[in-house]
């Protein structure tokens, strides 16, 4: 996959499955390939299988799989299941800035539980203050809450960090 040979990687992983390998990493890796190809339904099926092969004790180290499966559910239109997986990812890795930002921004976009989203985003910004996308999320939640003047500072910072990103620029125009 890193060598831009996803088709070959997919073929190898499917071959391993056909030979009876049922290791977590095989199914998780295959799911990642389908996720990158934006075939979220297939990715979800492989993430499901990967997680079925994990013991309860080992599940605590699999926050990233719950996170990417949550993203896959979100991208495929199943927000309720996405929320369950994102909650699980946060339970297993409570302060991970990428999980906090994705989940928080998703809440913002749905105009849902904005106070919780603000808390998540503030935590993510405190850990990654140089991430334009996370700083943009902070500005965006403040804007959505009607705190227009307060949103200006983080929005200007976000545009400095990500000057060419179309979403950040769109948010700048709105703010």
C-alpha atoms as a PDB file:
ATOM      1  CA  UNK A   1       0.000   0.000   0.000  1.00  0.00           C
ATOM      2  CA  UNK A   2       2.799   2.417   0.891  1.00  0.00           C
ATOM      3  CA  UNK A   3       4.336   1.686  -2.497  1.00  0.00           C
ATOM      4  CA  UNK A   4       1.058   2.544  -4.237  1.00  0.00           C
ATOM      5  CA  UNK A   5       0.275  -1.090  -4.941  1.00  0.00           C
ATOM      6  CA  UNK A   6      -3.081  -1.379  -3.186  1.00  0.00           C
ATOM      7  CA  UNK A   7      -4.446  -3.862  -5.719  1.00  0.00           C
ATOM      8  CA  UNK A   8      -1.538  -6.235  -5.055  1.00  0.00           C
ATOM      9  CA  UNK A   9      -1.878  -5.778  -1.305  1.00  0.00           C
ATOM     10  CA  UNK A  10      -5.607  -6.483  -1.527  1.00  0.00           C
ATOM     11  CA  UNK A  11      -4.938  -9.641  -3.548  1.00  0.00           C
ATOM     12  CA  UNK A  12      -2.364 -10.861  -1.023  1.00  0.00           C
ATOM     13  CA  UNK A  13      -4.640 -10.183   1.948  1.00  0.00           C
ATOM     14  CA  UNK A  14      -7.605 -11.915   0.300  1.00  0.00           C
ATOM     15  CA  UNK A  15      -5.308 -14.855  -0.462  1.00  0.00           C
ATOM     16  CA  UNK A  16      -4.332 -15.065   3.212  1.00  0.00           C
ATOM     17  CA  UNK A  17      -7.999 -15.056   4.213  1.00  0.00           C
ATOM     18  CA  UNK A  18      -8.731 -17.827   1.675  1.00  0.00           C
ATOM     19  CA  UNK A  19      -5.879 -19.831   3.220  1.00  0.00           C
ATOM     20  CA  UNK A  20      -7.556 -19.557   6.617  1.00  0.00           C
ATOM     21  CA  UNK A  21      -5.679 -16.697   8.235  1.00  0.00           C
ATOM     22  CA  UNK A  22      -8.020 -14.863  10.561  1.00  0.00           C
ATOM     23  CA  UNK A  23      -5.629 -12.504  12.300  1.00  0.00           C
ATOM     24  CA  UNK A  24      -6.871  -9.039  13.208  1.00  0.00           C
ATOM     25  CA  UNK A  25      -4.164  -7.346  11.140  1.00  0.00           C
ATOM     26  CA  UNK A  26      -5.212  -9.095   7.925  1.00  0.00           C
ATOM     27  CA  UNK A  27      -8.832  -7.920   8.110  1.00  0.00           C
ATOM     28  CA  UNK A  28      -7.944  -4.497   9.507  1.00  0.00           C
ATOM     29  CA  UNK A  29      -5.419  -3.882   6.721  1.00  0.00           C
ATOM     30  CA  UNK A  30      -7.889  -4.983   4.072  1.00  0.00           C
ATOM     31  CA  UNK A  31     -10.524  -2.682   5.563  1.00  0.00           C
ATOM     32  CA  UNK A  32      -8.063   0.221   5.415  1.00  0.00           C
ATOM     33  CA  UNK A  33      -7.533  -0.396   1.699  1.00  0.00           C
ATOM     34  CA  UNK A  34     -11.278  -0.240   1.029  1.00  0.00           C
ATOM     35  CA  UNK A  35     -11.620   2.842   3.219  1.00  0.00           C
ATOM     36  CA  UNK A  36      -8.955   4.684   1.222  1.00  0.00           C
ATOM     37  CA  UNK A  37     -10.810   3.672  -1.961  1.00  0.00           C
ATOM     38  CA  UNK A  38     -13.950   5.176  -0.355  1.00  0.00           C
ATOM     39  CA  UNK A  39     -15.736   1.825  -0.475  1.00  0.00           C
ATOM     40  CA  UNK A  40     -16.950   2.346   3.072  1.00  0.00           C
ATOM     41  CA  UNK A  41     -19.530  -0.443   3.138  1.00  0.00           C
ATOM     42  CA  UNK A  42     -16.893  -3.055   2.307  1.00  0.00           C
ATOM     43  CA  UNK A  43     -14.436  -1.437   4.718  1.00  0.00           C
ATOM     44  CA  UNK A  44     -17.016  -1.686   7.512  1.00  0.00           C
ATOM     45  CA  UNK A  45     -17.500  -5.393   6.839  1.00  0.00           C
ATOM     46  CA  UNK A  46     -13.764  -6.044   7.175  1.00  0.00           C
ATOM     47  CA  UNK A  47     -13.444  -3.823  10.262  1.00  0.00           C
ATOM     48  CA  UNK A  48     -16.321  -5.802  11.790  1.00  0.00           C
ATOM     49  CA  UNK A  49     -14.546  -9.077  11.106  1.00  0.00           C
ATOM     50  CA  UNK A  50     -11.240  -7.729  12.418  1.00  0.00           C
ATOM     51  CA  UNK A  51     -12.855  -6.672  15.681  1.00  0.00           C
ATOM     52  CA  UNK A  52     -14.701  -9.977  16.032  1.00  0.00           C
ATOM     53  CA  UNK A  53     -11.292 -11.669  16.136  1.00  0.00           C
ATOM     54  CA  UNK A  54     -10.084  -9.559  19.084  1.00  0.00           C
ATOM     55  CA  UNK A  55     -10.374 -10.594  22.703  1.00  0.00           C
ATOM     56  CA  UNK A  56     -11.938  -8.220  25.194  1.00  0.00           C
ATOM     57  CA  UNK A  57      -8.509  -7.655  26.759  1.00  0.00           C
ATOM     58  CA  UNK A  58      -6.893  -6.803  23.412  1.00  0.00           C
ATOM     59  CA  UNK A  59      -9.774  -4.527  22.395  1.00  0.00           C
ATOM     60  CA  UNK A  60      -8.372  -1.707  24.528  1.00  0.00           C
ATOM     61  CA  UNK A  61      -5.492  -1.289  22.075  1.00  0.00           C
ATOM     62  CA  UNK A  62      -7.765  -1.095  19.032  1.00  0.00           C
ATOM     63  CA  UNK A  63      -9.075   2.442  19.442  1.00  0.00           C
ATOM     64  CA  UNK A  64      -7.824   3.325  15.943  1.00  0.00           C
ATOM     65  CA  UNK A  65      -9.978   0.631  14.354  1.00  0.00           C
ATOM     66  CA  UNK A  66     -13.078   1.920  16.120  1.00  0.00           C
ATOM     67  CA  UNK A  67     -12.081   5.415  14.977  1.00  0.00           C
ATOM     68  CA  UNK A  68     -11.688   4.535  11.291  1.00  0.00           C
ATOM     69  CA  UNK A  69     -14.767   2.323  11.315  1.00  0.00           C
ATOM     70  CA  UNK A  70     -16.639   5.272  12.839  1.00  0.00           C
ATOM     71  CA  UNK A  71     -15.399   7.472  10.008  1.00  0.00           C
ATOM     72  CA  UNK A  72     -16.507   4.825   7.511  1.00  0.00           C
ATOM     73  CA  UNK A  73     -19.973   4.713   9.074  1.00  0.00           C
ATOM     74  CA  UNK A  74     -20.123   8.507   9.007  1.00  0.00           C
ATOM     75  CA  UNK A  75     -19.055   8.676   5.363  1.00  0.00           C
ATOM     76  CA  UNK A  76     -21.605   6.010   4.433  1.00  0.00           C
ATOM     77  CA  UNK A  77     -24.429   7.949   6.096  1.00  0.00           C
ATOM     78  CA  UNK A  78     -24.904   5.983   9.311  1.00  0.00           C
ATOM     79  CA  UNK A  79     -24.279   8.685  11.918  1.00  0.00           C
ATOM     80  CA  UNK A  80     -25.787   6.744  14.828  1.00  0.00           C
ATOM     81  CA  UNK A  81     -23.369   3.847  14.356  1.00  0.00           C
ATOM     82  CA  UNK A  82     -20.542   6.301  13.685  1.00  0.00           C
ATOM     83  CA  UNK A  83     -21.224   7.974  17.040  1.00  0.00           C
ATOM     84  CA  UNK A  84     -21.090   4.617  18.833  1.00  0.00           C
ATOM     85  CA  UNK A  85     -17.704   3.829  17.309  1.00  0.00           C
ATOM     86  CA  UNK A  86     -16.337   7.329  17.931  1.00  0.00           C
ATOM     87  CA  UNK A  87     -17.504   7.105  21.554  1.00  0.00           C
ATOM     88  CA  UNK A  88     -15.723   3.748  21.845  1.00  0.00           C
ATOM     89  CA  UNK A  89     -12.547   5.212  20.339  1.00  0.00           C
ATOM     90  CA  UNK A  90     -12.692   8.019  22.907  1.00  0.00           C
ATOM     91  CA  UNK A  91     -13.325   5.543  25.698  1.00  0.00           C
ATOM     92  CA  UNK A  92     -10.207   3.601  24.683  1.00  0.00           C
ATOM     93  CA  UNK A  93      -8.085   6.694  23.917  1.00  0.00           C
ATOM     94  CA  UNK A  94      -9.763   9.548  25.806  1.00  0.00           C
ATOM     95  CA  UNK A  95      -7.525  12.416  24.761  1.00  0.00           C
ATOM     96  CA  UNK A  96      -6.470  11.569  21.242  1.00  0.00           C
ATOM     97  CA  UNK A  97      -6.554  14.890  19.349  1.00  0.00           C
ATOM     98  CA  UNK A  98      -7.553  13.405  15.996  1.00  0.00           C
ATOM     99  CA  UNK A  99     -10.492  11.531  17.507  1.00  0.00           C
ATOM    100  CA  UNK A 100     -11.531  14.593  19.505  1.00  0.00           C
ATOM    101  CA  UNK A 101     -11.329  16.807  16.427  1.00  0.00           C
ATOM    102  CA  UNK A 102     -13.146  14.451  14.055  1.00  0.00           C
ATOM    103  CA  UNK A 103     -15.915  13.696  16.527  1.00  0.00           C
ATOM    104  CA  UNK A 104     -16.207  17.319  17.637  1.00  0.00           C
ATOM    105  CA  UNK A 105     -16.273  18.652  14.077  1.00  0.00           C
ATOM    106  CA  UNK A 106     -18.881  16.053  13.124  1.00  0.00           C
ATOM    107  CA  UNK A 107     -21.087  17.269  15.961  1.00  0.00           C
ATOM    108  CA  UNK A 108     -20.557  20.869  14.830  1.00  0.00           C
ATOM    109  CA  UNK A 109     -21.548  20.050  11.265  1.00  0.00           C
ATOM    110  CA  UNK A 110     -24.763  18.483  12.556  1.00  0.00           C
ATOM    111  CA  UNK A 111     -25.355  21.402  14.956  1.00  0.00           C
ATOM    112  CA  UNK A 112     -25.535  18.781  17.692  1.00  0.00           C
ATOM    113  CA  UNK A 113     -24.248  19.104  21.272  1.00  0.00           C
ATOM    114  CA  UNK A 114     -22.089  22.142  20.511  1.00  0.00           C
ATOM    115  CA  UNK A 115     -20.942  22.566  24.123  1.00  0.00           C
ATOM    116  CA  UNK A 116     -19.511  19.046  24.102  1.00  0.00           C
ATOM    117  CA  UNK A 117     -17.956  19.668  20.692  1.00  0.00           C
ATOM    118  CA  UNK A 118     -16.313  22.835  22.028  1.00  0.00           C
ATOM    119  CA  UNK A 119     -14.782  20.890  24.917  1.00  0.00           C
ATOM    120  CA  UNK A 120     -13.458  18.231  22.554  1.00  0.00           C
ATOM    121  CA  UNK A 121     -11.993  20.783  20.166  1.00  0.00           C
ATOM    122  CA  UNK A 122     -10.379  22.828  22.950  1.00  0.00           C
ATOM    123  CA  UNK A 123      -8.704  19.678  24.226  1.00  0.00           C
ATOM    124  CA  UNK A 124      -7.481  18.828  20.723  1.00  0.00           C
ATOM    125  CA  UNK A 125      -6.156  22.380  20.172  1.00  0.00           C
ATOM    126  CA  UNK A 126      -4.265  22.280  23.468  1.00  0.00           C
ATOM    127  CA  UNK A 127      -2.447  19.187  22.211  1.00  0.00           C
ATOM    128  CA  UNK A 128      -1.977  20.254  18.580  1.00  0.00           C
ATOM    129  CA  UNK A 129      -1.957  24.058  18.441  1.00  0.00           C
ATOM    130  CA  UNK A 130      -0.129  23.999  15.099  1.00  0.00           C
ATOM    131  CA  UNK A 131      -2.810  21.957  13.342  1.00  0.00           C
ATOM    132  CA  UNK A 132      -4.730  24.298  11.098  1.00  0.00           C
ATOM    133  CA  UNK A 133      -7.590  21.847  10.777  1.00  0.00           C
ATOM    134  CA  UNK A 134      -8.045  21.565  14.530  1.00  0.00           C
ATOM    135  CA  UNK A 135      -7.771  25.335  15.026  1.00  0.00           C
ATOM    136  CA  UNK A 136     -10.321  25.741  12.218  1.00  0.00           C
ATOM    137  CA  UNK A 137     -12.673  23.450  14.150  1.00  0.00           C
ATOM    138  CA  UNK A 138     -12.344  25.700  17.184  1.00  0.00           C
ATOM    139  CA  UNK A 139     -13.223  28.768  15.139  1.00  0.00           C
ATOM    140  CA  UNK A 140     -16.093  26.907  13.501  1.00  0.00           C
ATOM    141  CA  UNK A 141     -17.714  25.778  16.746  1.00  0.00           C
ATOM    142  CA  UNK A 142     -17.438  29.300  18.153  1.00  0.00           C
ATOM    143  CA  UNK A 143     -19.057  30.626  14.974  1.00  0.00           C
ATOM    144  CA  UNK A 144     -21.842  28.038  15.146  1.00  0.00           C
ATOM    145  CA  UNK A 145     -22.486  29.011  18.773  1.00  0.00           C
ATOM    146  CA  UNK A 146     -22.906  32.635  17.704  1.00  0.00           C
ATOM    147  CA  UNK A 147     -19.614  33.784  19.244  1.00  0.00           C
ATOM    148  CA  UNK A 148     -18.601  35.575  16.066  1.00  0.00           C
ATOM    149  CA  UNK A 149     -15.991  37.942  17.479  1.00  0.00           C
ATOM    150  CA  UNK A 150     -14.381  35.151  19.508  1.00  0.00           C
ATOM    151  CA  UNK A 151     -14.170  33.015  16.358  1.00  0.00           C
ATOM    152  CA  UNK A 152     -12.084  35.576  14.440  1.00  0.00           C
ATOM    153  CA  UNK A 153      -8.751  34.959  16.220  1.00  0.00           C
ATOM    154  CA  UNK A 154      -8.680  31.175  15.803  1.00  0.00           C
ATOM    155  CA  UNK A 155      -9.990  31.518  12.243  1.00  0.00           C
ATOM    156  CA  UNK A 156      -7.171  33.869  11.295  1.00  0.00           C
ATOM    157  CA  UNK A 157      -4.706  31.444  12.911  1.00  0.00           C
ATOM    158  CA  UNK A 158      -6.215  28.506  10.996  1.00  0.00           C
ATOM    159  CA  UNK A 159      -5.853  30.314   7.679  1.00  0.00           C
ATOM    160  CA  UNK A 160      -2.194  31.043   8.479  1.00  0.00           C
ATOM    161  CA  UNK A 161      -1.640  27.343   9.121  1.00  0.00           C
ATOM    162  CA  UNK A 162      -3.702  26.075   6.144  1.00  0.00           C
ATOM    163  CA  UNK A 163      -3.821  28.927   3.621  1.00  0.00           C
ATOM    164  CA  UNK A 164      -4.725  26.768   0.610  1.00  0.00           C
ATOM    165  CA  UNK A 165      -7.396  24.528   2.134  1.00  0.00           C
ATOM    166  CA  UNK A 166     -10.789  25.271   0.532  1.00  0.00           C
ATOM    167  CA  UNK A 167     -12.849  24.419   3.630  1.00  0.00           C
ATOM    168  CA  UNK A 168     -10.704  26.584   5.900  1.00  0.00           C
ATOM    169  CA  UNK A 169     -11.019  29.415   3.379  1.00  0.00           C
ATOM    170  CA  UNK A 170     -14.787  28.917   3.190  1.00  0.00           C
ATOM    171  CA  UNK A 171     -14.993  29.055   6.993  1.00  0.00           C
ATOM    172  CA  UNK A 172     -12.882  32.233   6.963  1.00  0.00           C
ATOM    173  CA  UNK A 173     -15.398  33.845   4.617  1.00  0.00           C
ATOM    174  CA  UNK A 174     -18.294  32.821   6.853  1.00  0.00           C
ATOM    175  CA  UNK A 175     -16.594  34.022  10.043  1.00  0.00           C
END
